Amino acid sequence: MVADFVSADYGWLTLPDSSERAQVLFKAGKACEGYFTSDDIIEHSATAMDILKKGYPDEEHMLVFDNATTHLKWEEDALSAMKMPKFTPKLGC
């Protein structure tokens, strides 16, 4: 899997001297590096924002993400319908 940021004006996100880039190469799957999680997305975004601040400080930036399921995140202790029983148990059982 490749995760990267691209600009219509500058192409793939790198510092102007190409010394840093935002690209992440990730071997997805149980037998490889696991899966790209929301924590990975946050880290990738932080890297991108650092590059934008260093290399393009006088411009306004907008990061746009696709609607992939890796972008779903909730608190660890949040209620989840997937963990609830399908039917309400009968009283007294």
Protein backbone atom coordinates (compact mmCIF):
# COMPACT_ATOMS: atom_id res chain seq x y z
CA MET A 1 0.00 0.00 0.00
CA VAL A 2 1.19 3.50 -0.75
CA ALA A 3 -0.10 6.49 1.19
CA ASP A 4 0.94 9.93 -0.02
CA PHE A 5 -0.21 13.48 -0.53
CA VAL A 6 -0.30 15.12 -3.95
CA SER A 7 -0.71 18.74 -5.06
CA ALA A 8 -1.96 19.97 -8.42
CA ASP A 9 0.75 22.67 -8.25
CA TYR A 10 3.74 20.76 -6.84
CA GLY A 11 3.10 17.04 -7.35
CA TRP A 12 3.97 14.53 -4.61
CA LEU A 13 4.53 16.16 -1.22
CA THR A 14 8.23 16.67 -0.53
CA LEU A 15 10.36 19.50 0.74
CA PRO A 16 11.50 21.72 -2.16
CA ASP A 17 14.98 20.15 -1.96
CA SER A 18 13.43 16.63 -1.84
CA SER A 19 15.22 15.85 1.45
CA GLU A 20 11.95 14.80 3.12
CA ARG A 21 8.84 13.21 1.67
CA ALA A 22 5.40 12.31 2.98
CA GLN A 23 5.12 8.97 1.19
CA VAL A 24 4.50 5.85 3.29
CA LEU A 25 5.08 2.37 1.86
CA PHE A 26 3.19 -0.24 3.87
CA LYS A 27 2.92 -4.01 3.40
CA ALA A 28 -0.68 -4.59 4.50
CA GLY A 29 -2.04 -7.86 5.80
CA LYS A 30 -1.85 -10.16 8.82
CA ALA A 31 1.35 -11.81 7.58
CA CYS A 32 3.06 -8.47 6.87
CA GLU A 33 2.92 -5.17 8.76
CA GLY A 34 -0.71 -5.39 9.85
CA TYR A 35 -3.11 -2.74 8.67
CA PHE A 36 -2.94 1.03 8.24
CA THR A 37 -4.76 2.31 11.33
CA SER A 38 -6.11 5.68 12.35
CA ASP A 39 -2.94 6.16 14.42
CA ASP A 40 -0.89 5.65 11.24
CA ILE A 41 -3.07 8.24 9.48
CA ILE A 42 -2.50 10.74 12.29
CA GLU A 43 1.27 10.17 12.13
CA HIS A 44 1.27 10.46 8.32
CA SER A 45 -0.74 13.70 8.53
CA ALA A 46 1.66 15.13 11.12
CA THR A 47 4.58 14.37 8.79
CA ALA A 48 2.76 16.09 5.93
CA MET A 49 2.00 19.15 8.06
CA ASP A 50 5.65 19.38 9.16
CA ILE A 51 6.76 19.33 5.52
CA LEU A 52 4.20 21.98 4.61
CA LYS A 53 5.30 24.25 7.48
CA LYS A 54 8.99 23.89 6.61
CA GLY A 55 8.81 23.99 2.83
CA TYR A 56 5.75 26.08 2.06
CA PRO A 57 5.18 28.36 5.09
CA ASP A 58 3.63 31.27 3.17
CA GLU A 59 0.84 29.26 1.58
CA GLU A 60 -2.51 27.99 2.83
CA HIS A 61 -2.95 24.23 2.73
CA MET A 62 -5.89 21.85 2.80
CA LEU A 63 -5.48 18.10 3.32
CA VAL A 64 -8.22 15.96 1.80
CA PHE A 65 -8.71 12.30 2.68
CA ASP A 66 -10.71 9.66 0.89
CA ASN A 67 -13.50 7.85 2.73
CA ALA A 68 -11.60 4.60 3.40
CA THR A 69 -12.59 2.48 6.39
CA THR A 70 -9.18 3.14 7.98
CA HIS A 71 -10.42 6.64 8.73
CA LEU A 72 -13.05 5.38 11.16
CA LYS A 73 -12.05 5.83 14.78
CA TRP A 74 -13.80 5.92 18.11
CA GLU A 75 -12.67 6.01 21.71
CA GLU A 76 -11.40 2.68 23.04
CA ASP A 77 -14.12 2.60 25.73
CA ALA A 78 -16.96 3.75 23.40
CA LEU A 79 -20.12 1.68 23.08
CA SER A 80 -20.23 -0.50 20.01
CA ALA A 81 -23.32 -2.11 18.51
CA MET A 82 -21.08 -4.94 17.30
CA LYS A 83 -20.47 -5.94 20.93
CA MET A 84 -24.13 -5.83 21.99
CA PRO A 85 -26.43 -8.88 22.03
CA LYS A 86 -28.69 -9.21 19.00
CA PHE A 87 -31.79 -10.04 21.06
CA THR A 88 -32.81 -8.75 24.46
CA PRO A 89 -32.53 -11.56 27.05
CA LYS A 90 -35.77 -12.59 28.72
CA LEU A 91 -36.20 -11.45 32.32
CA GLY A 92 -35.28 -14.05 34.92
CA CYS A 93 -32.98 -16.05 32.64
